[in-house]
Amino acid sequence: MKNLIYGLMCLLAISGTVGCGSSETQSDTTTAIDAQHAGGQEAVVDDVSQKDIVKIAVGSADHTTLVAALKQAEYVDDISNAGPFTVFAPTNEAFAKVPKETLDDLMKDENRLALQNILEYHVAVGVYRQDYLNDGQTVGMANGQNVTIHLNGDKLMVNEVNVVATIPASNGLIYVVDGVLLPPAK
């Protein structure tokens, strides 16, 4: 009878209503669950499925500045979400064209809103595949402003910036660009 009661108590412990055994084990389990849920979508470990936009950027040696900017702007979770998104992703070389002082200034905590505005000008909600774009077409960006698409044969540009590669992601599409898109002054 004593074993039956202990077994029922353990069953209740598994369902989370009564403790059974050491509290250290329950604490370890809670900590593991908390750690698993910390960070949102970007914290999910999945080596089988197609990578999302952030995981692709993180894995790219050419996009370390973009990843640092996404972290500073606190947008890693947002761009890791289901989307779909079209992201115009500047390379490190593209960011190198921005004066170092300007880039350093944007990466300061007090300028987070300005950095967010610039990053949002690189993101469109929806997937805009090149074969569905037209020369002169405007696309609304996440910051509420528009970019203009330019097509010349197979050459794709956004505003005056060249698209140098296209990468499909699980939550959208990445256009790698050779310049940083700067939103027009409001």
N, C-alpha and C. Protein backbone atom coordinates (compact mmCIF):
# COMPACT_ATOMS: atom_id res chain seq x y z
N MET A 1 0.83 -1.19 0.00
CA MET A 1 0.00 0.00 0.00
C MET A 1 0.87 1.25 0.00
N LYS A 2 1.96 1.20 0.81
CA LYS A 2 2.88 2.33 0.89
C LYS A 2 3.49 2.61 -0.49
N ASN A 3 3.87 1.56 -1.22
CA ASN A 3 4.43 1.72 -2.57
C ASN A 3 3.41 2.30 -3.54
N LEU A 4 2.15 1.92 -3.40
CA LEU A 4 1.09 2.44 -4.25
C LEU A 4 0.92 3.94 -4.03
N ILE A 5 0.91 4.37 -2.77
CA ILE A 5 0.77 5.80 -2.44
C ILE A 5 1.98 6.56 -2.97
N TYR A 6 3.19 6.02 -2.75
CA TYR A 6 4.39 6.68 -3.24
C TYR A 6 4.36 6.78 -4.78
N GLY A 7 3.89 5.71 -5.43
CA GLY A 7 3.78 5.70 -6.90
C GLY A 7 2.81 6.75 -7.39
N LEU A 8 1.67 6.89 -6.71
CA LEU A 8 0.69 7.91 -7.09
C LEU A 8 1.26 9.31 -6.89
N MET A 9 2.00 9.49 -5.79
CA MET A 9 2.60 10.80 -5.54
C MET A 9 3.62 11.13 -6.63
N CYS A 10 4.38 10.13 -7.04
CA CYS A 10 5.35 10.36 -8.13
C CYS A 10 4.63 10.68 -9.44
N LEU A 11 3.53 10.01 -9.70
CA LEU A 11 2.73 10.29 -10.89
C LEU A 11 2.23 11.73 -10.85
N LEU A 12 1.76 12.16 -9.70
CA LEU A 12 1.33 13.55 -9.54
C LEU A 12 2.50 14.51 -9.71
N ALA A 13 3.67 14.12 -9.26
CA ALA A 13 4.85 14.97 -9.41
C ALA A 13 5.18 15.16 -10.88
N ILE A 14 5.03 14.09 -11.64
CA ILE A 14 5.30 14.18 -13.09
C ILE A 14 4.33 15.16 -13.73
N SER A 15 3.09 15.16 -13.28
CA SER A 15 2.13 16.09 -13.85
C SER A 15 2.30 17.49 -13.27
N GLY A 16 3.20 17.66 -12.28
CA GLY A 16 3.52 18.99 -11.79
C GLY A 16 2.70 19.45 -10.61
N THR A 17 1.93 18.58 -9.98
CA THR A 17 1.08 19.04 -8.89
C THR A 17 1.65 18.77 -7.51
N VAL A 18 2.51 17.77 -7.34
CA VAL A 18 3.09 17.43 -6.05
C VAL A 18 4.54 17.05 -6.29
N GLY A 19 5.44 17.40 -5.35
CA GLY A 19 6.85 17.06 -5.49
C GLY A 19 7.11 15.61 -5.14
N CYS A 20 8.10 15.02 -5.79
CA CYS A 20 8.47 13.64 -5.51
C CYS A 20 9.97 13.53 -5.67
N GLY A 21 10.61 12.91 -4.76
CA GLY A 21 12.06 12.81 -4.87
C GLY A 21 12.68 14.13 -4.48
N SER A 22 13.89 14.39 -4.97
CA SER A 22 14.58 15.60 -4.56
C SER A 22 14.06 16.81 -5.33
N SER A 23 14.04 17.95 -4.66
CA SER A 23 13.63 19.18 -5.32
C SER A 23 14.70 19.62 -6.31
N GLU A 24 15.92 19.12 -6.14
CA GLU A 24 17.01 19.45 -7.05
C GLU A 24 16.70 18.96 -8.45
N THR A 25 16.15 17.75 -8.58
CA THR A 25 15.80 17.19 -9.89
C THR A 25 14.71 18.03 -10.54
N GLN A 26 13.70 18.41 -9.77
CA GLN A 26 12.62 19.23 -10.31
C GLN A 26 13.16 20.59 -10.72
N SER A 27 14.06 21.15 -9.93
CA SER A 27 14.66 22.44 -10.23
C SER A 27 15.48 22.36 -11.51
N ASP A 28 16.26 21.26 -11.65
CA ASP A 28 17.05 21.08 -12.87
C ASP A 28 16.17 21.01 -14.10
N THR A 29 15.04 20.30 -13.99
CA THR A 29 14.11 20.18 -15.10
C THR A 29 13.52 21.54 -15.45
N THR A 30 13.12 22.30 -14.43
CA THR A 30 12.56 23.63 -14.65
C THR A 30 13.58 24.54 -15.31
N THR A 31 14.83 24.48 -14.85
CA THR A 31 15.88 25.29 -15.44
C THR A 31 16.10 24.92 -16.90
N ALA A 32 16.10 23.63 -17.21
CA ALA A 32 16.28 23.19 -18.59
C ALA A 32 15.14 23.68 -19.47
N ILE A 33 13.92 23.61 -18.96
CA ILE A 33 12.77 24.10 -19.73
C ILE A 33 12.86 25.60 -19.92
N ASP A 34 13.21 26.35 -18.87
CA ASP A 34 13.35 27.80 -18.98
C ASP A 34 14.42 28.16 -20.01
N ALA A 35 15.53 27.44 -19.99
CA ALA A 35 16.61 27.71 -20.94
C ALA A 35 16.16 27.41 -22.36
N GLN A 36 15.37 26.36 -22.52
CA GLN A 36 14.89 25.98 -23.84
C GLN A 36 13.97 27.06 -24.41
N HIS A 37 13.17 27.71 -23.56
CA HIS A 37 12.22 28.71 -24.02
C HIS A 37 12.82 30.11 -24.08
N ALA A 38 13.97 30.31 -23.51
CA ALA A 38 14.60 31.63 -23.55
C ALA A 38 15.08 31.92 -24.96
N GLY A 39 14.82 33.12 -25.43
CA GLY A 39 15.37 33.53 -26.71
C GLY A 39 14.43 33.42 -27.89
N GLY A 40 13.32 32.76 -27.78
CA GLY A 40 12.37 32.70 -28.88
C GLY A 40 12.82 31.75 -29.98
N GLN A 41 12.34 32.01 -31.20
CA GLN A 41 12.57 31.13 -32.34
C GLN A 41 14.05 30.88 -32.62
N GLU A 42 14.89 31.92 -32.45
CA GLU A 42 16.29 31.75 -32.81
C GLU A 42 16.99 30.75 -31.91
N ALA A 43 16.39 30.42 -30.75
CA ALA A 43 17.00 29.47 -29.82
C ALA A 43 16.69 28.02 -30.18
N VAL A 44 15.80 27.80 -31.13
CA VAL A 44 15.44 26.44 -31.52
C VAL A 44 16.60 25.81 -32.29
N VAL A 45 16.99 24.64 -31.85
CA VAL A 45 18.06 23.91 -32.52
C VAL A 45 17.43 22.91 -33.48
N ASP A 46 17.73 23.08 -34.77
CA ASP A 46 17.18 22.21 -35.80
C ASP A 46 18.21 22.12 -36.91
N ASP A 47 18.91 21.01 -36.98
CA ASP A 47 19.94 20.84 -37.98
C ASP A 47 19.44 20.13 -39.23
N VAL A 48 18.12 19.88 -39.31
CA VAL A 48 17.56 19.14 -40.42
C VAL A 48 16.81 20.05 -41.39
N SER A 49 15.97 20.91 -40.86
CA SER A 49 15.12 21.77 -41.69
C SER A 49 15.92 22.89 -42.33
N GLN A 50 15.30 23.51 -43.34
CA GLN A 50 15.89 24.68 -43.96
C GLN A 50 16.03 25.76 -42.91
N LYS A 51 17.12 26.51 -42.94
CA LYS A 51 17.40 27.53 -41.94
C LYS A 51 16.56 28.78 -42.19
N ASP A 52 16.23 29.50 -41.08
CA ASP A 52 15.52 30.76 -41.22
C ASP A 52 16.53 31.87 -41.56
N ILE A 53 16.02 33.06 -41.79
CA ILE A 53 16.86 34.18 -42.24
C ILE A 53 17.99 34.46 -41.26
N VAL A 54 17.69 34.49 -39.97
CA VAL A 54 18.72 34.79 -38.97
C VAL A 54 19.78 33.69 -38.94
N LYS A 55 19.38 32.44 -38.96
CA LYS A 55 20.36 31.35 -38.91
C LYS A 55 21.27 31.37 -40.14
N ILE A 56 20.73 31.74 -41.28
CA ILE A 56 21.56 31.87 -42.49
C ILE A 56 22.56 33.00 -42.31
N ALA A 57 22.09 34.15 -41.82
CA ALA A 57 22.98 35.30 -41.61
C ALA A 57 24.06 34.98 -40.58
N VAL A 58 23.68 34.32 -39.49
CA VAL A 58 24.64 33.96 -38.46
C VAL A 58 25.72 33.02 -39.02
N GLY A 59 25.34 32.16 -39.92
CA GLY A 59 26.29 31.22 -40.52
C GLY A 59 27.12 31.80 -41.64
N SER A 60 26.89 33.06 -41.98
CA SER A 60 27.60 33.69 -43.09
C SER A 60 28.71 34.59 -42.58
N ALA A 61 29.94 34.33 -43.00
CA ALA A 61 31.07 35.18 -42.63
C ALA A 61 30.93 36.57 -43.24
N ASP A 62 30.12 36.71 -44.28
CA ASP A 62 29.93 37.99 -44.96
C ASP A 62 28.86 38.87 -44.31
N HIS A 63 28.20 38.39 -43.26
CA HIS A 63 27.11 39.16 -42.67
C HIS A 63 27.26 39.37 -41.16
N THR A 64 28.48 39.38 -40.66
CA THR A 64 28.69 39.57 -39.22
C THR A 64 28.25 40.95 -38.75
N THR A 65 28.43 41.96 -39.56
CA THR A 65 28.00 43.30 -39.16
C THR A 65 26.48 43.37 -39.11
N LEU A 66 25.81 42.76 -40.07
CA LEU A 66 24.34 42.73 -40.06
C LEU A 66 23.84 42.01 -38.82
N VAL A 67 24.43 40.88 -38.49
CA VAL A 67 24.01 40.13 -37.31
C VAL A 67 24.22 40.96 -36.05
N ALA A 68 25.35 41.65 -35.95
CA ALA A 68 25.61 42.51 -34.79
C ALA A 68 24.56 43.62 -34.70
N ALA A 69 24.19 44.19 -35.85
CA ALA A 69 23.17 45.25 -35.87
C ALA A 69 21.81 44.70 -35.45
N LEU A 70 21.45 43.50 -35.93
CA LEU A 70 20.18 42.88 -35.53
C LEU A 70 20.14 42.63 -34.03
N LYS A 71 21.26 42.20 -33.47
CA LYS A 71 21.33 41.98 -32.02
C LYS A 71 21.19 43.29 -31.27
N GLN A 72 21.92 44.31 -31.71
CA GLN A 72 21.87 45.62 -31.05
C GLN A 72 20.47 46.21 -31.11
N ALA A 73 19.79 46.03 -32.23
CA ALA A 73 18.43 46.57 -32.41
C ALA A 73 17.37 45.69 -31.74
N GLU A 74 17.80 44.56 -31.20
CA GLU A 74 16.91 43.59 -30.56
C GLU A 74 15.86 43.05 -31.55
N TYR A 75 16.33 42.73 -32.77
CA TYR A 75 15.45 42.22 -33.83
C TYR A 75 15.70 40.76 -34.19
N VAL A 76 16.57 40.07 -33.47
CA VAL A 76 16.87 38.68 -33.81
C VAL A 76 15.60 37.84 -33.72
N ASP A 77 14.82 37.99 -32.64
CA ASP A 77 13.58 37.23 -32.49
C ASP A 77 12.60 37.55 -33.61
N ASP A 78 12.47 38.84 -33.94
CA ASP A 78 11.50 39.26 -34.95
C ASP A 78 11.78 38.63 -36.31
N ILE A 79 13.03 38.64 -36.73
CA ILE A 79 13.39 38.12 -38.05
C ILE A 79 13.49 36.59 -38.04
N SER A 80 13.50 35.99 -36.85
CA SER A 80 13.49 34.53 -36.75
C SER A 80 12.08 33.97 -36.82
N ASN A 81 11.07 34.82 -36.65
CA ASN A 81 9.68 34.36 -36.64
C ASN A 81 9.26 33.86 -38.01
N ALA A 82 8.06 33.32 -38.07
CA ALA A 82 7.58 32.62 -39.26
C ALA A 82 7.54 33.48 -40.52
N GLY A 83 7.34 34.78 -40.37
CA GLY A 83 7.29 35.63 -41.56
C GLY A 83 6.03 35.40 -42.35
N PRO A 84 6.10 35.40 -43.66
CA PRO A 84 7.29 35.41 -44.49
C PRO A 84 7.85 36.83 -44.65
N PHE A 85 9.17 36.89 -44.86
CA PHE A 85 9.87 38.16 -45.03
C PHE A 85 10.72 38.11 -46.29
N THR A 86 10.92 39.28 -46.86
CA THR A 86 11.97 39.47 -47.86
C THR A 86 12.95 40.43 -47.20
N VAL A 87 14.20 39.99 -47.09
CA VAL A 87 15.23 40.79 -46.42
C VAL A 87 16.31 41.13 -47.43
N PHE A 88 16.63 42.42 -47.53
CA PHE A 88 17.75 42.89 -48.33
C PHE A 88 18.92 42.96 -47.35
N ALA A 89 19.83 41.99 -47.43
CA ALA A 89 20.88 41.80 -46.43
C ALA A 89 22.22 42.36 -46.91
N PRO A 90 22.63 43.52 -46.36
CA PRO A 90 23.93 44.08 -46.75
C PRO A 90 25.08 43.21 -46.24
N THR A 91 26.10 43.09 -47.06
CA THR A 91 27.30 42.36 -46.67
C THR A 91 28.17 43.24 -45.77
N ASN A 92 29.20 42.66 -45.19
CA ASN A 92 30.16 43.44 -44.41
C ASN A 92 30.79 44.52 -45.27
N GLU A 93 31.08 44.19 -46.53
CA GLU A 93 31.65 45.19 -47.46
C GLU A 93 30.69 46.35 -47.69
N ALA A 94 29.39 46.05 -47.71
CA ALA A 94 28.39 47.11 -47.87
C ALA A 94 28.41 48.03 -46.65
N PHE A 95 28.48 47.43 -45.47
CA PHE A 95 28.54 48.25 -44.25
C PHE A 95 29.84 49.04 -44.18
N ALA A 96 30.92 48.52 -44.78
CA ALA A 96 32.20 49.23 -44.78
C ALA A 96 32.13 50.53 -45.58
N LYS A 97 31.14 50.65 -46.47
CA LYS A 97 30.97 51.88 -47.25
C LYS A 97 30.36 52.99 -46.40
N VAL A 98 29.74 52.63 -45.28
CA VAL A 98 29.17 53.62 -44.36
C VAL A 98 30.33 54.13 -43.50
N PRO A 99 30.42 55.45 -43.30
CA PRO A 99 31.52 55.95 -42.45
C PRO A 99 31.52 55.26 -41.09
N LYS A 100 32.70 54.86 -40.65
CA LYS A 100 32.86 54.10 -39.41
C LYS A 100 32.22 54.84 -38.23
N GLU A 101 32.40 56.16 -38.16
CA GLU A 101 31.83 56.93 -37.05
C GLU A 101 30.30 56.83 -37.05
N THR A 102 29.70 56.86 -38.23
CA THR A 102 28.24 56.76 -38.34
C THR A 102 27.78 55.39 -37.87
N LEU A 103 28.45 54.35 -38.32
CA LEU A 103 28.09 52.99 -37.94
C LEU A 103 28.27 52.79 -36.42
N ASP A 104 29.39 53.25 -35.90
CA ASP A 104 29.64 53.15 -34.45
C ASP A 104 28.57 53.88 -33.66
N ASP A 105 28.17 55.04 -34.16
CA ASP A 105 27.15 55.84 -33.48
C ASP A 105 25.79 55.12 -33.48
N LEU A 106 25.44 54.49 -34.61
CA LEU A 106 24.18 53.76 -34.71
C LEU A 106 24.14 52.55 -33.76
N MET A 107 25.29 52.01 -33.44
CA MET A 107 25.34 50.82 -32.59
C MET A 107 25.28 51.15 -31.10
N LYS A 108 25.15 52.43 -30.76
CA LYS A 108 25.01 52.83 -29.36
C LYS A 108 23.58 52.64 -28.90
N ASP A 109 23.41 52.30 -27.63
CA ASP A 109 22.07 52.07 -27.07
C ASP A 109 21.14 53.26 -27.29
N GLU A 110 21.65 54.47 -27.15
CA GLU A 110 20.78 55.64 -27.27
C GLU A 110 20.31 55.89 -28.71
N ASN A 111 20.90 55.19 -29.68
CA ASN A 111 20.50 55.35 -31.08
C ASN A 111 19.79 54.11 -31.63
N ARG A 112 19.29 53.28 -30.72
CA ARG A 112 18.63 52.03 -31.12
C ARG A 112 17.46 52.29 -32.07
N LEU A 113 16.67 53.34 -31.82
CA LEU A 113 15.51 53.61 -32.69
C LEU A 113 15.95 53.93 -34.12
N ALA A 114 17.01 54.70 -34.27
CA ALA A 114 17.51 55.01 -35.61
C ALA A 114 18.01 53.75 -36.31
N LEU A 115 18.71 52.90 -35.56
CA LEU A 115 19.19 51.63 -36.12
C LEU A 115 18.01 50.74 -36.52
N GLN A 116 16.99 50.68 -35.68
CA GLN A 116 15.81 49.89 -35.99
C GLN A 116 15.15 50.39 -37.27
N ASN A 117 15.05 51.71 -37.44
CA ASN A 117 14.44 52.29 -38.64
C ASN A 117 15.21 51.86 -39.90
N ILE A 118 16.54 51.91 -39.82
CA ILE A 118 17.35 51.52 -40.97
C ILE A 118 17.18 50.02 -41.26
N LEU A 119 17.22 49.20 -40.22
CA LEU A 119 17.05 47.76 -40.44
C LEU A 119 15.66 47.43 -40.97
N GLU A 120 14.64 48.11 -40.48
CA GLU A 120 13.27 47.88 -40.97
C GLU A 120 13.14 48.28 -42.44
N TYR A 121 13.98 49.20 -42.89
CA TYR A 121 13.98 49.61 -44.30
C TYR A 121 14.59 48.54 -45.20
N HIS A 122 15.12 47.49 -44.60
CA HIS A 122 15.69 46.36 -45.33
C HIS A 122 14.77 45.14 -45.33
N VAL A 123 13.57 45.26 -44.72
CA VAL A 123 12.68 44.11 -44.55
C VAL A 123 11.30 44.43 -45.11
N ALA A 124 10.80 43.54 -45.95
CA ALA A 124 9.42 43.63 -46.44
C ALA A 124 8.67 42.41 -45.93
N VAL A 125 7.44 42.62 -45.54
CA VAL A 125 6.61 41.50 -45.12
C VAL A 125 6.04 40.86 -46.38
N GLY A 126 6.29 39.58 -46.53
CA GLY A 126 5.90 38.85 -47.73
C GLY A 126 7.14 38.41 -48.48
N VAL A 127 6.95 37.54 -49.44
CA VAL A 127 8.07 37.07 -50.26
C VAL A 127 7.93 37.69 -51.64
N TYR A 128 8.95 38.44 -52.03
CA TYR A 128 8.98 39.11 -53.33
C TYR A 128 10.04 38.44 -54.20
N ARG A 129 9.62 37.42 -54.93
CA ARG A 129 10.55 36.71 -55.82
C ARG A 129 10.81 37.57 -57.06
N GLN A 130 12.02 37.47 -57.56
CA GLN A 130 12.42 38.31 -58.69
C GLN A 130 11.51 38.15 -59.89
N ASP A 131 11.03 36.94 -60.15
CA ASP A 131 10.19 36.74 -61.33
C ASP A 131 8.79 37.37 -61.17
N TYR A 132 8.47 37.86 -59.99
CA TYR A 132 7.20 38.55 -59.78
C TYR A 132 7.37 40.06 -59.64
N LEU A 133 8.60 40.54 -59.77
CA LEU A 133 8.87 41.97 -59.63
C LEU A 133 8.91 42.63 -61.01
N ASN A 134 8.58 43.91 -61.04
CA ASN A 134 8.60 44.70 -62.27
C ASN A 134 9.52 45.90 -62.09
N ASP A 135 10.12 46.33 -63.19
CA ASP A 135 10.96 47.52 -63.15
C ASP A 135 10.12 48.73 -62.72
N GLY A 136 10.60 49.47 -61.75
CA GLY A 136 9.90 50.65 -61.26
C GLY A 136 8.89 50.36 -60.16
N GLN A 137 8.68 49.10 -59.84
CA GLN A 137 7.73 48.71 -58.79
C GLN A 137 8.22 49.21 -57.44
N THR A 138 7.29 49.69 -56.62
CA THR A 138 7.64 50.05 -55.25
C THR A 138 7.17 48.94 -54.31
N VAL A 139 7.96 48.72 -53.27
CA VAL A 139 7.66 47.70 -52.27
C VAL A 139 7.67 48.39 -50.91
N GLY A 140 6.61 48.16 -50.16
CA GLY A 140 6.51 48.73 -48.81
C GLY A 140 7.39 47.96 -47.84
N MET A 141 8.14 48.70 -47.07
CA MET A 141 9.07 48.09 -46.12
C MET A 141 8.49 48.16 -44.70
N ALA A 142 9.10 47.44 -43.79
CA ALA A 142 8.60 47.33 -42.42
C ALA A 142 8.60 48.67 -41.68
N ASN A 143 9.41 49.64 -42.12
CA ASN A 143 9.42 50.94 -41.45
C ASN A 143 8.36 51.89 -42.01
N GLY A 144 7.54 51.41 -42.94
CA GLY A 144 6.46 52.23 -43.50
C GLY A 144 6.85 53.01 -44.74
N GLN A 145 8.09 52.92 -45.17
CA GLN A 145 8.53 53.62 -46.37
C GLN A 145 8.68 52.61 -47.51
N ASN A 146 8.91 53.10 -48.71
CA ASN A 146 9.00 52.25 -49.90
C ASN A 146 10.40 52.23 -50.48
N VAL A 147 10.74 51.11 -51.10
CA VAL A 147 11.92 51.01 -51.95
C VAL A 147 11.42 50.86 -53.37
N THR A 148 12.31 51.14 -54.32
CA THR A 148 11.96 50.99 -55.73
C THR A 148 12.81 49.89 -56.34
N ILE A 149 12.16 49.01 -57.04
CA ILE A 149 12.83 47.89 -57.70
C ILE A 149 13.23 48.31 -59.11
N HIS A 150 14.44 47.94 -59.50
CA HIS A 150 14.93 48.20 -60.86
C HIS A 150 15.37 46.87 -61.45
N LEU A 151 14.86 46.58 -62.63
CA LEU A 151 15.23 45.35 -63.34
C LEU A 151 15.79 45.72 -64.71
N ASN A 152 16.91 45.10 -65.03
CA ASN A 152 17.50 45.26 -66.35
C ASN A 152 17.97 43.86 -66.77
N GLY A 153 17.11 43.16 -67.49
CA GLY A 153 17.39 41.76 -67.81
C GLY A 153 17.32 40.95 -66.53
N ASP A 154 18.39 40.24 -66.24
CA ASP A 154 18.46 39.45 -65.01
C ASP A 154 19.02 40.24 -63.83
N LYS A 155 19.46 41.46 -64.08
CA LYS A 155 20.06 42.28 -63.03
C LYS A 155 18.95 42.93 -62.20
N LEU A 156 19.02 42.71 -60.87
CA LEU A 156 18.03 43.26 -59.94
C LEU A 156 18.71 44.26 -59.03
N MET A 157 18.05 45.40 -58.87
CA MET A 157 18.52 46.43 -57.94
C MET A 157 17.35 46.87 -57.07
N VAL A 158 17.67 47.28 -55.86
CA VAL A 158 16.69 47.90 -54.98
C VAL A 158 17.23 49.29 -54.68
N ASN A 159 16.42 50.30 -54.98
CA ASN A 159 16.89 51.69 -55.01
C ASN A 159 18.12 51.71 -55.91
N GLU A 160 19.27 52.10 -55.42
CA GLU A 160 20.47 52.13 -56.26
C GLU A 160 21.49 51.06 -55.84
N VAL A 161 21.01 50.04 -55.13
CA VAL A 161 21.88 49.00 -54.58
C VAL A 161 21.68 47.71 -55.36
N ASN A 162 22.79 47.05 -55.70
CA ASN A 162 22.76 45.81 -56.47
C ASN A 162 22.45 44.61 -55.59
N VAL A 163 21.61 43.73 -56.13
CA VAL A 163 21.38 42.43 -55.51
C VAL A 163 22.42 41.49 -56.11
N VAL A 164 23.24 40.88 -55.24
CA VAL A 164 24.34 40.05 -55.73
C VAL A 164 24.08 38.55 -55.54
N ALA A 165 23.06 38.20 -54.75
CA ALA A 165 22.72 36.79 -54.55
C ALA A 165 21.31 36.70 -53.98
N THR A 166 20.68 35.57 -54.21
CA THR A 166 19.35 35.29 -53.67
C THR A 166 19.43 33.98 -52.91
N ILE A 167 18.93 34.01 -51.66
CA ILE A 167 19.00 32.82 -50.82
C ILE A 167 17.61 32.55 -50.23
N PRO A 168 17.01 31.41 -50.56
CA PRO A 168 15.72 31.07 -49.93
C PRO A 168 15.94 30.67 -48.47
N ALA A 169 14.98 31.02 -47.63
CA ALA A 169 15.02 30.67 -46.21
C ALA A 169 13.68 30.07 -45.83
N SER A 170 13.64 29.42 -44.68
CA SER A 170 12.39 28.79 -44.25
C SER A 170 11.30 29.82 -43.97
N ASN A 171 11.69 31.04 -43.66
CA ASN A 171 10.70 32.07 -43.35
C ASN A 171 10.74 33.23 -44.33
N GLY A 172 11.22 32.97 -45.55
CA GLY A 172 11.19 34.01 -46.55
C GLY A 172 12.32 33.91 -47.55
N LEU A 173 12.82 35.09 -47.93
CA LEU A 173 13.81 35.18 -48.99
C LEU A 173 14.83 36.25 -48.62
N ILE A 174 16.09 35.95 -48.87
CA ILE A 174 17.16 36.91 -48.62
C ILE A 174 17.72 37.34 -49.96
N TYR A 175 17.79 38.65 -50.16
CA TYR A 175 18.54 39.21 -51.28
C TYR A 175 19.80 39.81 -50.67
N VAL A 176 20.95 39.26 -51.00
CA VAL A 176 22.21 39.81 -50.53
C VAL A 176 22.49 41.04 -51.39
N VAL A 177 22.76 42.18 -50.72
CA VAL A 177 22.97 43.44 -51.44
C VAL A 177 24.36 44.01 -51.14
N ASP A 178 24.86 44.80 -52.09
CA ASP A 178 26.20 45.36 -51.95
C ASP A 178 26.22 46.77 -51.40
N GLY A 179 25.12 47.21 -50.82
CA GLY A 179 25.05 48.52 -50.19
C GLY A 179 24.01 48.53 -49.09
N VAL A 180 24.11 49.51 -48.22
CA VAL A 180 23.13 49.67 -47.14
C VAL A 180 22.05 50.61 -47.64
N LEU A 181 20.80 50.19 -47.48
CA LEU A 181 19.68 51.03 -47.88
C LEU A 181 19.40 52.07 -46.78
N LEU A 182 19.40 53.32 -47.16
CA LEU A 182 19.13 54.37 -46.19
C LEU A 182 17.74 54.95 -46.46
N PRO A 183 16.89 54.94 -45.45
CA PRO A 183 15.53 55.46 -45.64
C PRO A 183 15.57 56.94 -45.98
N PRO A 184 14.67 57.38 -46.86
CA PRO A 184 14.62 58.82 -47.15
C PRO A 184 14.20 59.59 -45.91
N ALA A 185 14.71 60.80 -45.79
CA ALA A 185 14.35 61.64 -44.64
C ALA A 185 12.87 61.92 -44.67
N LYS A 186 12.26 61.87 -43.50
CA LYS A 186 10.80 62.12 -43.42
C LYS A 186 10.54 63.60 -43.31
